[in-house]
Protein backbone atom coordinates (compact mmCIF):
# COMPACT_ATOMS: atom_id res chain seq x y z
CA MET A 1 -29.88 9.72 -3.88
CA ALA A 2 -27.83 6.52 -4.50
CA ALA A 3 -24.32 6.59 -3.69
CA ARG A 4 -21.94 6.10 -6.52
CA ALA A 5 -19.16 3.53 -6.63
CA ASN A 6 -16.32 5.87 -6.16
CA ASP A 7 -17.85 7.69 -3.18
CA PRO A 8 -16.51 6.79 0.21
CA PRO A 9 -18.43 4.64 2.38
CA PRO A 10 -20.41 6.21 4.97
CA LEU A 11 -18.89 6.73 8.53
CA GLY A 12 -18.26 3.55 10.34
CA VAL A 13 -19.19 1.45 7.21
CA THR A 14 -16.42 -0.51 5.56
CA ARG A 15 -16.54 -1.99 2.02
CA ASP A 16 -14.45 -4.80 3.12
CA LYS A 17 -16.79 -7.72 4.44
CA GLN A 18 -13.82 -9.07 6.90
CA LEU A 19 -13.65 -5.43 8.62
CA ALA A 20 -17.54 -5.10 9.08
CA VAL A 21 -17.03 -6.67 12.62
CA VAL A 22 -14.21 -4.39 13.78
CA ASP A 23 -15.18 -1.51 15.99
CA VAL A 24 -13.28 1.39 14.60
CA SER A 25 -13.39 3.49 17.50
CA VAL A 26 -11.92 0.50 19.63
CA ALA A 27 -9.16 -0.31 16.98
CA LEU A 28 -8.17 3.37 17.11
CA PHE A 29 -7.90 3.58 20.94
CA LYS A 30 -5.69 0.38 20.84
CA TRP A 31 -3.56 1.78 18.22
CA SER A 32 -2.93 5.07 19.78
CA HIS A 33 -2.23 3.83 23.21
CA GLY A 34 0.31 0.95 22.17
CA ILE A 35 -2.24 -1.94 22.81
CA ALA A 36 -1.55 -4.95 20.60
CA CYS A 37 -3.96 -4.86 17.44
CA ASN A 38 -4.98 -8.14 15.41
CA LEU A 39 -4.61 -7.99 11.48
CA LYS A 40 -8.18 -6.66 11.23
CA GLU A 41 -7.93 -3.72 13.34
CA VAL A 42 -4.60 -3.12 11.73
CA ALA A 43 -6.48 -2.85 8.35
CA VAL A 44 -8.89 -0.33 9.81
CA VAL A 45 -6.46 1.87 11.37
CA THR A 46 -4.01 2.01 8.39
CA GLY A 47 -6.83 2.19 5.89
CA TYR A 48 -5.92 -0.86 3.71
CA TYR A 49 -7.92 -3.85 3.16
CA TYR A 50 -7.81 -6.95 4.94
CA ALA A 51 -6.28 -8.99 2.36
CA HIS A 52 -3.36 -6.44 1.62
CA VAL A 53 -2.58 -6.68 5.17
CA ARG A 54 -2.50 -10.27 5.31
CA ARG A 55 0.03 -10.33 2.50
CA TRP A 56 2.46 -7.96 4.38
CA GLY A 57 4.04 -10.75 6.29
CA LEU A 58 3.78 -8.61 9.72
CA PRO A 59 5.67 -10.18 12.64
CA LEU A 60 2.97 -11.15 14.76
CA PHE A 61 2.86 -12.38 18.48
CA ASP A 62 -0.17 -14.53 19.18
CA GLY A 63 -1.54 -13.16 16.26
CA LYS A 64 -1.29 -9.34 17.15
CA ILE A 65 1.13 -6.45 16.69
CA THR A 66 1.55 -2.93 18.45
CA ARG A 67 1.80 0.22 16.61
CA SER A 68 5.60 0.76 17.72
CA GLU A 69 6.25 -2.74 16.10
CA PHE A 70 4.47 -1.76 13.20
CA ILE A 71 6.46 1.34 12.57
CA THR A 72 9.87 -0.57 13.23
CA TRP A 73 8.59 -3.11 10.72
CA LYS A 74 7.67 -0.68 8.07
CA ARG A 75 10.96 1.55 8.52
CA LYS A 76 12.74 -1.86 7.93
CA LYS A 77 10.79 -2.36 4.79
CA MET A 78 11.49 1.12 3.74
CA GLU A 79 15.22 0.73 3.96
CA GLU A 80 15.25 -2.49 1.66
CA THR A 81 13.51 -0.15 -0.96
CA LYS A 82 15.87 2.83 -0.67
CA PRO A 83 16.54 4.84 -3.64
CA ASN A 84 19.40 3.81 -5.96
CA GLU A 85 22.11 6.56 -5.79
CA ALA A 86 23.21 6.18 -9.35
CA ASN A 87 19.71 7.40 -11.01
CA GLY A 88 17.68 8.47 -7.72
CA GLN A 89 14.71 5.45 -8.41
CA PHE A 90 13.33 3.16 -6.16
CA VAL A 91 14.48 -0.35 -6.64
CA LEU A 92 12.20 -3.11 -5.84
CA PRO A 93 13.35 -6.18 -3.99
CA SER A 94 14.03 -9.06 -6.49
CA ASP A 95 11.80 -11.72 -4.81
CA ARG A 96 8.45 -9.82 -5.57
CA PRO A 97 7.01 -10.27 -9.05
CA GLN A 98 6.79 -7.07 -11.10
CA GLY A 99 3.29 -5.53 -11.51
CA PRO A 100 1.74 -4.43 -14.97
CA ALA A 101 1.87 -0.67 -13.82
CA THR A 102 5.67 -1.05 -12.98
CA ALA A 103 6.42 -2.71 -16.07
CA ALA A 104 4.63 -0.01 -18.23
CA ARG A 105 6.49 2.61 -16.43
CA GLN A 106 9.84 1.00 -16.85
CA ARG A 107 8.87 0.79 -20.70
CA ARG A 108 7.98 4.27 -20.75
CA LEU A 109 11.08 5.48 -19.09
CA ALA A 110 13.29 3.28 -21.56
CA ALA A 111 11.48 4.77 -24.54
CA THR A 112 12.11 8.25 -23.01
CA LYS A 113 15.62 7.35 -22.72
CA PHE A 114 16.18 5.78 -26.13
CA ASP A 115 14.12 8.06 -28.20
CA GLY A 116 14.80 11.20 -26.51
CA SER A 117 10.97 12.12 -26.26
CA LEU A 118 7.71 10.57 -25.82
CA ARG A 119 5.47 10.19 -28.87
CA ARG A 120 1.62 10.55 -28.00
CA ARG A 121 -0.85 8.66 -29.41
CA GLY A 122 -2.99 10.24 -32.08
CA SER A 123 -0.44 12.98 -32.59
CA ALA A 124 0.30 13.94 -36.07
CA ALA A 125 3.70 13.05 -37.27
CA SER A 126 5.85 16.24 -38.05
């Protein structure tokens, strides 16, 4: 039986070619015991692709970061994107480009606010 594209990879096998050389058990041991991990090991233990982890801009020392440093960095980043008290929505930092899904959501919210209701495609006009 062939695996479908959406099925998770078998245990111990990663889809990211960069992470194929990382020993998952060693990475998890380092992460849980506060030993510094390189970016590939951080990608494995956090469940993200290596390319995503590289774009995060983690504060590395000799190319490595500990779990406690990662948590501190993550909390700092979350404070930067705190919800706006006025409308309860998250505000992204202005230095990041807006993605297509975010733009579509903002258009949908603006249309809802302006029109009062969402009109679905294909519905008959009353």
